[in-house]
C-alpha atoms as a PDB file:
ATOM      1  CA  GLY A   1     -21.914 -19.645   8.999  1.00  0.00           C
ATOM      2  CA  LEU A   2     -21.585 -20.491   5.314  1.00  0.00           C
ATOM      3  CA  THR A   3     -24.851 -22.379   5.217  1.00  0.00           C
ATOM      4  CA  ASP A   4     -26.926 -19.265   5.907  1.00  0.00           C
ATOM      5  CA  TRP A   5     -26.118 -17.598   2.579  1.00  0.00           C
ATOM      6  CA  GLN A   6     -24.589 -20.361   0.496  1.00  0.00           C
ATOM      7  CA  PRO A   7     -27.900 -21.212  -1.311  1.00  0.00           C
ATOM      8  CA  MET A   8     -28.212 -17.612  -2.474  1.00  0.00           C
ATOM      9  CA  VAL A   9     -24.619 -17.629  -3.761  1.00  0.00           C
ATOM     10  CA  ASN A  10     -25.189 -20.948  -5.519  1.00  0.00           C
ATOM     11  CA  ALA A  11     -28.302 -19.567  -7.174  1.00  0.00           C
ATOM     12  CA  LEU A  12     -26.381 -16.550  -8.451  1.00  0.00           C
ATOM     13  CA  ALA A  13     -23.348 -18.581  -9.498  1.00  0.00           C
ATOM     14  CA  GLY A  14     -25.452 -21.254 -11.161  1.00  0.00           C
ATOM     15  CA  GLY A  15     -23.698 -24.212  -9.516  1.00  0.00           C
ATOM     16  CA  ASN A  16     -20.583 -25.788 -11.003  1.00  0.00           C
ATOM     17  CA  LEU A  17     -18.757 -24.329 -13.972  1.00  0.00           C
ATOM     18  CA  PHE A  18     -18.848 -25.811 -17.456  1.00  0.00           C
ATOM     19  CA  LEU A  19     -21.468 -28.509 -16.841  1.00  0.00           C
ATOM     20  CA  ASP A  20     -23.039 -28.258 -20.292  1.00  0.00           C
ATOM     21  CA  GLU A  21     -23.262 -31.681 -21.876  1.00  0.00           C
ATOM     22  CA  TYR A  22     -23.438 -30.498 -25.467  1.00  0.00           C
ATOM     23  CA  PRO A  23     -21.264 -28.048 -27.370  1.00  0.00           C
ATOM     24  CA  LEU A  24     -22.862 -24.635 -27.698  1.00  0.00           C
ATOM     25  CA  GLY A  25     -21.968 -21.483 -29.532  1.00  0.00           C
ATOM     26  CA  LEU A  26     -20.112 -18.732 -27.735  1.00  0.00           C
ATOM     27  CA  ARG A  27     -23.237 -16.568 -27.382  1.00  0.00           C
ATOM     28  CA  GLN A  28     -25.224 -19.427 -25.814  1.00  0.00           C
ATOM     29  CA  GLN A  29     -22.382 -20.121 -23.396  1.00  0.00           C
ATOM     30  CA  PHE A  30     -22.410 -16.479 -22.301  1.00  0.00           C
ATOM     31  CA  LEU A  31     -26.173 -16.519 -21.788  1.00  0.00           C
ATOM     32  CA  MET A  32     -26.159 -19.739 -19.802  1.00  0.00           C
ATOM     33  CA  ASN A  33     -23.127 -18.994 -17.632  1.00  0.00           C
ATOM     34  CA  TRP A  34     -23.285 -15.236 -17.073  1.00  0.00           C
ATOM     35  CA  GLY A  35     -23.953 -15.663 -13.334  1.00  0.00           C
ATOM     36  CA  GLN A  36     -20.902 -17.834 -12.846  1.00  0.00           C
ATOM     37  CA  ALA A  37     -18.799 -15.488 -14.978  1.00  0.00           C
ATOM     38  CA  LEU A  38     -19.930 -12.471 -12.946  1.00  0.00           C
ATOM     39  CA  VAL A  39     -19.014 -14.103  -9.626  1.00  0.00           C
ATOM     40  CA  TYR A  40     -15.660 -15.230 -11.002  1.00  0.00           C
ATOM     41  CA  MET A  41     -14.894 -11.835 -12.540  1.00  0.00           C
ATOM     42  CA  CYS A  42     -15.770  -9.860  -9.409  1.00  0.00           C
ATOM     43  CA  SER A  43     -13.850 -12.257  -7.171  1.00  0.00           C
ATOM     44  CA  ILE A  44     -10.642 -12.337  -9.183  1.00  0.00           C
ATOM     45  CA  MET A  45     -10.688  -8.570  -9.773  1.00  0.00           C
ATOM     46  CA  LEU A  46     -11.178  -8.002  -6.043  1.00  0.00           C
ATOM     47  CA  ILE A  47      -8.133 -10.158  -5.251  1.00  0.00           C
ATOM     48  CA  LEU A  48      -6.008  -8.398  -7.879  1.00  0.00           C
ATOM     49  CA  LEU A  49      -7.251  -4.956  -6.862  1.00  0.00           C
ATOM     50  CA  LEU A  50      -6.479  -5.462  -3.174  1.00  0.00           C
ATOM     51  CA  HIS A  51      -3.040  -6.794  -4.062  1.00  0.00           C
ATOM     52  CA  GLU A  52      -2.179  -3.732  -6.125  1.00  0.00           C
ATOM     53  CA  LEU A  53      -3.804  -1.318  -3.682  1.00  0.00           C
ATOM     54  CA  GLY A  54      -1.571  -2.787  -0.981  1.00  0.00           C
ATOM     55  CA  HIS A  55       1.418  -1.663  -3.059  1.00  0.00           C
ATOM     56  CA  PHE A  56      -0.225   1.610  -4.099  1.00  0.00           C
ATOM     57  CA  PHE A  57      -1.225   2.869  -0.654  1.00  0.00           C
ATOM     58  CA  THR A  58       2.214   2.001   0.701  1.00  0.00           C
ATOM     59  CA  THR A  59       3.818   4.086  -2.046  1.00  0.00           C
ATOM     60  CA  ILE A  60       1.503   6.934  -1.092  1.00  0.00           C
ATOM     61  CA  PHE A  61       2.503   6.569   2.569  1.00  0.00           C
ATOM     62  CA  TYR A  62       6.187   6.804   1.631  1.00  0.00           C
ATOM     63  CA  ARG A  63       5.588   9.449  -1.058  1.00  0.00           C
ATOM     64  CA  VAL A  64       7.057   7.300  -3.813  1.00  0.00           C
ATOM     65  CA  PRO A  65       5.548   8.268  -7.208  1.00  0.00           C
ATOM     66  CA  ALA A  66       3.435   5.427  -8.589  1.00  0.00           C
ATOM     67  CA  THR A  67       0.631   4.768 -11.046  1.00  0.00           C
ATOM     68  CA  ALA A  68      -2.829   3.548 -10.162  1.00  0.00           C
ATOM     69  CA  PRO A  69      -3.410  -0.224 -10.554  1.00  0.00           C
ATOM     70  CA  ILE A  70      -3.450  -1.403 -14.181  1.00  0.00           C
ATOM     71  CA  PHE A  71      -5.336  -4.617 -15.018  1.00  0.00           C
ATOM     72  CA  LEU A  72      -3.971  -6.902 -17.729  1.00  0.00           C
ATOM     73  CA  PRO A  73      -6.820  -8.863 -19.371  1.00  0.00           C
ATOM     74  CA  PHE A  74      -6.023 -11.945 -21.419  1.00  0.00           C
ATOM     75  CA  PRO A  75      -9.355 -13.422 -22.591  1.00  0.00           C
ATOM     76  CA  PHE A  76      -8.095 -16.350 -24.670  1.00  0.00           C
ATOM     77  CA  ASN A  77      -6.595 -18.466 -21.907  1.00  0.00           C
ATOM     78  CA  PRO A  78      -8.087 -20.642 -19.127  1.00  0.00           C
ATOM     79  CA  ILE A  79      -7.948 -17.908 -16.454  1.00  0.00           C
ATOM     80  CA  GLY A  80      -8.740 -14.782 -18.498  1.00  0.00           C
ATOM     81  CA  THR A  81      -6.102 -12.483 -17.028  1.00  0.00           C
ATOM     82  CA  LEU A  82      -2.394 -11.784 -16.769  1.00  0.00           C
ATOM     83  CA  GLY A  83      -2.930 -10.099 -13.401  1.00  0.00           C
ATOM     84  CA  ALA A  84      -2.421  -6.436 -12.581  1.00  0.00           C
ATOM     85  CA  VAL A  85       0.513  -4.105 -11.992  1.00  0.00           C
ATOM     86  CA  ILE A  86       1.465  -0.661 -10.794  1.00  0.00           C
ATOM     87  CA  GLY A  87       4.429   1.332 -12.013  1.00  0.00           C
ATOM     88  CA  MET A  88       6.585   3.192  -9.489  1.00  0.00           C
ATOM     89  CA  GLN A  89       9.862   5.084  -9.276  1.00  0.00           C
ATOM     90  CA  GLY A  90      11.497   2.477  -7.077  1.00  0.00           C
ATOM     91  CA  THR A  91      14.879   4.222  -7.147  1.00  0.00           C
ATOM     92  CA  MET A  92      13.388   6.879  -4.844  1.00  0.00           C
ATOM     93  CA  ALA A  93      12.654   4.345  -2.079  1.00  0.00           C
ATOM     94  CA  ASN A  94      15.162   3.054   0.442  1.00  0.00           C
ATOM     95  CA  ARG A  95      15.645  -0.528   1.590  1.00  0.00           C
ATOM     96  CA  ARG A  96      12.946  -0.509   4.275  1.00  0.00           C
ATOM     97  CA  GLN A  97      10.447   1.279   2.047  1.00  0.00           C
ATOM     98  CA  ILE A  98      10.988  -1.182  -0.826  1.00  0.00           C
ATOM     99  CA  PHE A  99      10.458  -4.052   1.621  1.00  0.00           C
ATOM    100  CA  ASP A 100       7.173  -2.583   2.854  1.00  0.00           C
ATOM    101  CA  ILE A 101       5.953  -1.793  -0.663  1.00  0.00           C
ATOM    102  CA  GLY A 102       6.867  -5.277  -1.885  1.00  0.00           C
ATOM    103  CA  ILE A 103       5.275  -7.216   0.982  1.00  0.00           C
ATOM    104  CA  ALA A 104       2.096  -5.114   1.210  1.00  0.00           C
ATOM    105  CA  GLY A 105       0.660  -6.404  -2.082  1.00  0.00           C
ATOM    106  CA  PRO A 106       0.790 -10.163  -1.448  1.00  0.00           C
ATOM    107  CA  LEU A 107      -0.444  -9.794   2.127  1.00  0.00           C
ATOM    108  CA  ALA A 108      -3.377  -7.579   1.050  1.00  0.00           C
ATOM    109  CA  GLY A 109      -4.340  -9.975  -1.747  1.00  0.00           C
ATOM    110  CA  LEU A 110      -4.214 -13.002   0.551  1.00  0.00           C
ATOM    111  CA  VAL A 111      -6.584 -11.290   2.984  1.00  0.00           C
ATOM    112  CA  ILE A 112      -9.398 -11.918   0.467  1.00  0.00           C
ATOM    113  CA  ALA A 113      -7.930 -14.837  -1.531  1.00  0.00           C
ATOM    114  CA  ILE A 114      -7.734 -17.190   1.467  1.00  0.00           C
ATOM    115  CA  PRO A 115     -11.374 -16.723   2.619  1.00  0.00           C
ATOM    116  CA  LEU A 116     -12.589 -17.082  -0.973  1.00  0.00           C
ATOM    117  CA  ALA A 117     -10.493 -20.241  -1.304  1.00  0.00           C
ATOM    118  CA  TYR A 118     -12.141 -21.663   1.815  1.00  0.00           C
ATOM    119  CA  ILE A 119     -15.606 -20.892   0.410  1.00  0.00           C
ATOM    120  CA  GLY A 120     -14.680 -22.366  -2.977  1.00  0.00           C
ATOM    121  CA  VAL A 121     -13.179 -25.513  -1.462  1.00  0.00           C
ATOM    122  CA  SER A 122     -16.245 -26.024   0.747  1.00  0.00           C
ATOM    123  CA  GLN A 123     -18.445 -25.949  -2.401  1.00  0.00           C
ATOM    124  CA  LEU A 124     -16.431 -28.517  -4.376  1.00  0.00           C
ATOM    125  CA  ASP A 125     -18.461 -31.509  -5.509  1.00  0.00           C
ATOM    126  CA  PHE A 126     -16.303 -34.476  -6.443  1.00  0.00           C
ATOM    127  CA  SER A 127     -19.380 -36.613  -7.024  1.00  0.00           C
ATOM    128  CA  VAL A 128     -19.466 -34.970 -10.475  1.00  0.00           C
ATOM    129  CA  PRO A 129     -17.443 -37.379 -12.675  1.00  0.00           C
ATOM    130  CA  PRO A 130     -14.450 -35.648 -14.281  1.00  0.00           C
ATOM    131  CA  ARG A 131     -14.756 -35.246 -18.040  1.00  0.00           C
ATOM    132  CA  GLY A 132     -11.054 -34.664 -18.576  1.00  0.00           C
ATOM    133  CA  GLY A 133      -9.727 -31.756 -20.584  1.00  0.00           C
ATOM    134  CA  ILE A 134      -8.069 -29.311 -18.197  1.00  0.00           C
ATOM    135  CA  GLY A 135      -7.447 -30.170 -14.561  1.00  0.00           C
ATOM    136  CA  PHE A 136      -6.415 -27.505 -12.048  1.00  0.00           C
ATOM    137  CA  ARG A 137      -3.650 -28.856  -9.824  1.00  0.00           C
ATOM    138  CA  LEU A 138      -3.999 -27.846  -6.192  1.00  0.00           C
ATOM    139  CA  PRO A 139      -1.415 -25.824  -4.279  1.00  0.00           C
ATOM    140  CA  LEU A 140      -0.513 -27.045  -0.798  1.00  0.00           C
ATOM    141  CA  LEU A 141      -2.731 -24.450   0.865  1.00  0.00           C
ATOM    142  CA  MET A 142      -5.842 -25.712  -0.938  1.00  0.00           C
ATOM    143  CA  GLN A 143      -4.889 -29.327  -0.289  1.00  0.00           C
ATOM    144  CA  TRP A 144      -4.731 -28.548   3.426  1.00  0.00           C
ATOM    145  CA  MET A 145      -8.103 -26.805   3.253  1.00  0.00           C
ATOM    146  CA  ILE A 146      -9.718 -29.805   1.576  1.00  0.00           C
ATOM    147  CA  GLY A 147      -8.227 -32.074   4.224  1.00  0.00           C
ATOM    148  CA  SER A 148      -9.434 -29.888   7.091  1.00  0.00           C
ATOM    149  CA  ILE A 149     -12.951 -29.529   5.647  1.00  0.00           C
ATOM    150  CA  GLY A 150     -13.125 -33.210   4.693  1.00  0.00           C
ATOM    151  CA  VAL A 151     -14.518 -32.828   1.163  1.00  0.00           C
ATOM    152  CA  GLU A 152     -15.934 -36.184   0.096  1.00  0.00           C
ATOM    153  CA  GLY A 153     -14.579 -37.893  -2.997  1.00  0.00           C
ATOM    154  CA  TYR A 154     -11.292 -35.966  -3.087  1.00  0.00           C
ATOM    155  CA  ASP A 155      -8.353 -37.974  -4.473  1.00  0.00           C
ATOM    156  CA  ALA A 156      -5.325 -36.754  -2.528  1.00  0.00           C
ATOM    157  CA  SER A 157      -2.953 -38.776  -4.717  1.00  0.00           C
ATOM    158  CA  GLU A 158      -4.020 -36.778  -7.780  1.00  0.00           C
ATOM    159  CA  ALA A 159      -4.694 -33.375  -6.140  1.00  0.00           C
ATOM    160  CA  VAL A 160      -6.580 -32.107  -9.212  1.00  0.00           C
ATOM    161  CA  VAL A 161      -9.938 -30.392  -9.678  1.00  0.00           C
ATOM    162  CA  TRP A 162     -11.215 -30.873 -13.222  1.00  0.00           C
ATOM    163  CA  ILE A 163     -12.767 -28.026 -15.148  1.00  0.00           C
ATOM    164  CA  ASN A 164     -16.317 -29.413 -14.930  1.00  0.00           C
ATOM    165  CA  GLN A 165     -15.984 -29.650 -11.123  1.00  0.00           C
ATOM    166  CA  LEU A 166     -15.071 -26.000 -10.593  1.00  0.00           C
ATOM    167  CA  ASN A 167     -17.135 -23.296  -8.941  1.00  0.00           C
ATOM    168  CA  PRO A 168     -16.515 -19.555  -9.398  1.00  0.00           C
ATOM    169  CA  PHE A 169     -15.094 -18.897  -5.920  1.00  0.00           C
ATOM    170  CA  PHE A 170     -12.690 -21.814  -6.181  1.00  0.00           C
ATOM    171  CA  ALA A 171     -11.562 -20.788  -9.681  1.00  0.00           C
ATOM    172  CA  ALA A 172     -11.003 -17.139  -8.684  1.00  0.00           C
ATOM    173  CA  SER A 173      -9.104 -17.979  -5.502  1.00  0.00           C
ATOM    174  CA  TRP A 174      -7.023 -20.599  -7.333  1.00  0.00           C
ATOM    175  CA  VAL A 175      -5.975 -17.955  -9.863  1.00  0.00           C
ATOM    176  CA  GLY A 176      -5.373 -15.437  -7.068  1.00  0.00           C
ATOM    177  CA  LEU A 177      -3.127 -17.854  -5.189  1.00  0.00           C
ATOM    178  CA  LEU A 178      -1.310 -18.789  -8.402  1.00  0.00           C
ATOM    179  CA  ILE A 179      -0.578 -15.151  -9.257  1.00  0.00           C
ATOM    180  CA  THR A 180       0.464 -14.393  -5.668  1.00  0.00           C
ATOM    181  CA  GLY A 181       2.796 -17.379  -5.639  1.00  0.00           C
ATOM    182  CA  LEU A 182       4.335 -16.347  -8.949  1.00  0.00           C
ATOM    183  CA  ASN A 183       4.771 -12.758  -7.766  1.00  0.00           C
ATOM    184  CA  MET A 184       6.630 -13.979  -4.705  1.00  0.00           C
ATOM    185  CA  MET A 185       9.261 -15.828  -6.729  1.00  0.00           C
ATOM    186  CA  PRO A 186      12.634 -14.367  -5.621  1.00  0.00           C
ATOM    187  CA  VAL A 187      13.517 -12.847  -8.994  1.00  0.00           C
ATOM    188  CA  GLY A 188      14.080  -9.365 -10.411  1.00  0.00           C
ATOM    189  CA  GLN A 189      11.306  -6.805  -9.915  1.00  0.00           C
ATOM    190  CA  LEU A 190       8.702  -9.333  -8.763  1.00  0.00           C
ATOM    191  CA  ASP A 191       7.430  -8.879  -5.224  1.00  0.00           C
ATOM    192  CA  GLY A 192       9.627 -11.776  -4.111  1.00  0.00           C
ATOM    193  CA  GLY A 193      12.578 -10.092  -5.792  1.00  0.00           C
ATOM    194  CA  HIS A 194      11.974  -6.953  -3.710  1.00  0.00           C
ATOM    195  CA  ILE A 195      11.809  -9.035  -0.527  1.00  0.00           C
ATOM    196  CA  THR A 196      14.919 -11.146  -1.166  1.00  0.00           C
ATOM    197  CA  TYR A 197      16.976  -8.102  -2.212  1.00  0.00           C
ATOM    198  CA  THR A 198      16.066  -6.162   0.917  1.00  0.00           C
ATOM    199  CA  LEU A 199      16.809  -9.230   3.054  1.00  0.00           C
ATOM    200  CA  PHE A 200      20.015 -10.484   1.441  1.00  0.00           C
ATOM    201  CA  GLY A 201      21.349  -7.640  -0.709  1.00  0.00           C
ATOM    202  CA  LYS A 202      23.474  -8.650  -3.688  1.00  0.00           C
ATOM    203  CA  ALA A 203      23.328 -12.315  -2.603  1.00  0.00           C
ATOM    204  CA  SER A 204      19.736 -12.190  -3.905  1.00  0.00           C
ATOM    205  CA  HIS A 205      21.184 -12.088  -7.431  1.00  0.00           C
ATOM    206  CA  TRP A 206      22.496 -15.624  -6.937  1.00  0.00           C
ATOM    207  CA  ILE A 207      19.131 -16.680  -5.549  1.00  0.00           C
ATOM    208  CA  ALA A 208      17.390 -15.233  -8.618  1.00  0.00           C
ATOM    209  CA  GLU A 209      19.725 -16.918 -11.097  1.00  0.00           C
ATOM    210  CA  ILE A 210      19.462 -20.296  -9.364  1.00  0.00           C
ATOM    211  CA  SER A 211      15.667 -19.952  -9.268  1.00  0.00           C
ATOM    212  CA  ILE A 212      15.480 -19.305 -13.025  1.00  0.00           C
ATOM    213  CA  VAL A 213      17.804 -22.216 -13.828  1.00  0.00           C
ATOM    214  CA  LEU A 214      15.745 -24.550 -11.620  1.00  0.00           C
ATOM    215  CA  ALA A 215      12.487 -23.312 -13.185  1.00  0.00           C
ATOM    216  CA  ILE A 216      13.747 -23.978 -16.725  1.00  0.00           C
ATOM    217  CA  ALA A 217      15.169 -27.369 -15.729  1.00  0.00           C
ATOM    218  CA  PHE A 218      11.839 -28.271 -14.107  1.00  0.00           C
ATOM    219  CA  MET A 219       9.877 -27.373 -17.237  1.00  0.00           C
ATOM    220  CA  VAL A 220      12.245 -29.301 -19.484  1.00  0.00           C
ATOM    221  CA  TYR A 221      12.263 -32.381 -17.243  1.00  0.00           C
ATOM    222  CA  TYR A 222       8.465 -32.534 -16.990  1.00  0.00           C
ATOM    223  CA  GLN A 223       7.877 -31.241 -20.557  1.00  0.00           C
ATOM    224  CA  HIS A 224       5.474 -28.709 -19.047  1.00  0.00           C
ATOM    225  CA  PHE A 225       5.900 -25.247 -20.583  1.00  0.00           C
ATOM    226  CA  VAL A 226       2.793 -23.392 -19.373  1.00  0.00           C
ATOM    227  CA  LEU A 227       4.888 -20.657 -17.734  1.00  0.00           C
ATOM    228  CA  ILE A 228       7.614 -20.368 -20.366  1.00  0.00           C
ATOM    229  CA  VAL A 229       6.303 -16.964 -21.508  1.00  0.00           C
ATOM    230  CA  MET A 230       6.593 -15.560 -17.993  1.00  0.00           C
ATOM    231  CA  VAL A 231      10.128 -16.914 -17.624  1.00  0.00           C
ATOM    232  CA  GLY A 232      10.991 -15.271 -20.938  1.00  0.00           C
ATOM    233  CA  LEU A 233       9.576 -11.927 -19.795  1.00  0.00           C
ATOM    234  CA  ILE A 234      11.563 -12.112 -16.560  1.00  0.00           C
ATOM    235  CA  LEU A 235      14.760 -12.798 -18.519  1.00  0.00           C
ATOM    236  CA  ILE A 236      14.038  -9.821 -20.780  1.00  0.00           C
ATOM    237  CA  MET A 237      13.378  -7.488 -17.817  1.00  0.00           C
ATOM    238  CA  GLY A 238      16.373  -8.816 -15.892  1.00  0.00           C
ATOM    239  CA  THR A 239      16.769 -11.191 -12.978  1.00  0.00           C
ATOM    240  CA  HIS A 240      18.788  -8.818 -10.775  1.00  0.00           C
ATOM    241  CA  HIS A 241      17.106  -6.303  -8.490  1.00  0.00           C
ATOM    242  CA  PRO A 242      18.588  -2.787  -8.761  1.00  0.00           C
ATOM    243  CA  PRO A 243      19.941  -1.000  -5.676  1.00  0.00           C
ATOM    244  CA  THR A 244      17.517   1.008  -3.564  1.00  0.00           C
ATOM    245  CA  ALA A 245      17.966   4.691  -2.744  1.00  0.00           C
ATOM    246  CA  ASP A 246      19.729   3.638   0.474  1.00  0.00           C
ATOM    247  CA  ASP A 247      20.637  -0.012   1.016  1.00  0.00           C
ATOM    248  CA  SER A 248      22.141   0.734   4.446  1.00  0.00           C
ATOM    249  CA  VAL A 249      18.759   1.366   6.135  1.00  0.00           C
ATOM    250  CA  ARG A 250      18.068  -1.364   8.704  1.00  0.00           C
ATOM    251  CA  LEU A 251      14.957  -3.532   8.414  1.00  0.00           C
ATOM    252  CA  GLY A 252      14.653  -4.486  12.068  1.00  0.00           C
ATOM    253  CA  PRO A 253      13.776  -7.913  13.524  1.00  0.00           C
ATOM    254  CA  VAL A 254      10.014  -7.735  12.837  1.00  0.00           C
ATOM    255  CA  ARG A 255      10.505  -7.125   9.111  1.00  0.00           C
ATOM    256  CA  TRP A 256      13.160  -9.852   8.982  1.00  0.00           C
ATOM    257  CA  VAL A 257      10.744 -12.397  10.466  1.00  0.00           C
ATOM    258  CA  ILE A 258       7.893 -11.309   8.178  1.00  0.00           C
ATOM    259  CA  GLY A 259      10.219 -11.387   5.174  1.00  0.00           C
ATOM    260  CA  LEU A 260      11.542 -14.860   5.915  1.00  0.00           C
ATOM    261  CA  LEU A 261       8.035 -16.205   6.513  1.00  0.00           C
ATOM    262  CA  SER A 262       6.836 -14.635   3.254  1.00  0.00           C
ATOM    263  CA  LEU A 263       9.329 -16.755   1.311  1.00  0.00           C
ATOM    264  CA  SER A 264       7.017 -19.720   1.991  1.00  0.00           C
ATOM    265  CA  ILE A 265       4.198 -18.119  -0.037  1.00  0.00           C
ATOM    266  CA  PRO A 266       5.276 -19.648  -3.396  1.00  0.00           C
ATOM    267  CA  ILE A 267       5.509 -23.074  -1.737  1.00  0.00           C
ATOM    268  CA  LEU A 268       2.006 -22.771  -0.263  1.00  0.00           C
ATOM    269  CA  CYS A 269       0.215 -20.983  -3.117  1.00  0.00           C
ATOM    270  CA  PHE A 270       1.829 -22.131  -6.352  1.00  0.00           C
ATOM    271  CA  PRO A 271       1.269 -25.605  -7.908  1.00  0.00           C
ATOM    272  CA  PRO A 272       4.463 -26.232  -9.941  1.00  0.00           C
ATOM    273  CA  LEU A 273       2.772 -28.190 -12.766  1.00  0.00           C
ATOM    274  CA  VAL A 274      -0.237 -25.805 -12.797  1.00  0.00           C
ATOM    275  CA  PHE A 275      -2.545 -27.806 -15.113  1.00  0.00           C
ATOM    276  CA  LYS A 276      -3.144 -31.457 -15.894  1.00  0.00           C
ATOM    277  CA  ILE A 277      -4.259 -31.833 -19.501  1.00  0.00           C
ATOM    278  CA  THR A 278      -5.830 -34.911 -21.039  1.00  0.00           C
ATOM    279  CA  TYR A 279      -6.877 -35.455 -24.649  1.00  0.00           C
END
């Protein structure tokens, strides 16, 4: 079980993140927290790598030209990354192939993100008083995990883990679930856009446009613009999915069921307000 090797992991990770009581220089922070940073970095890169390899190996199987996974670092933000991508010549793939390529990434990433989330949730310590600053709002999947494990001190009405209560596995899996949920939004060339287009054809264009309008309305209503840059990028790239090489290819009942079930991924993995910030 977890208890057999958890002490070793805790020793490497150095306990909770950001527990320093006094402000330190950047170099001192690196020296004191390198173990936590290493665990976080390896965990999040593993989630992103498996996600992109899911796409990549499926393109190889279908002989669709594609690039190797490309990581997008973004050091000056709370999560340190913009994710990862592959480029492919999607116009060479038919409807069924685009469905398989699109769904393979999220499913592969979740294979490691969900176990890491369980480990991270099991190590949460809510006896550490929150110091405010940035709080990480919990997606439904993590809320259910906390409820099933029975983590003491958890405030279900708030559903927030503050930055000084984090551990590396929780932080990495939270980011992995967030990115997976975003990727499965039913818009444009996102993974969710591939799925909804192959399921519903041109009707997916209406789904994409309604999704963008609702997203903007949500941000304006709650005055929460954390994801405004991503919405802007999606609008620049286009909300409509282009036709496949052959839209007449049938998906079959198994793919239809998997596709419909996959539409719940954003609901389970993505916390709409993302962060809670106090000053």
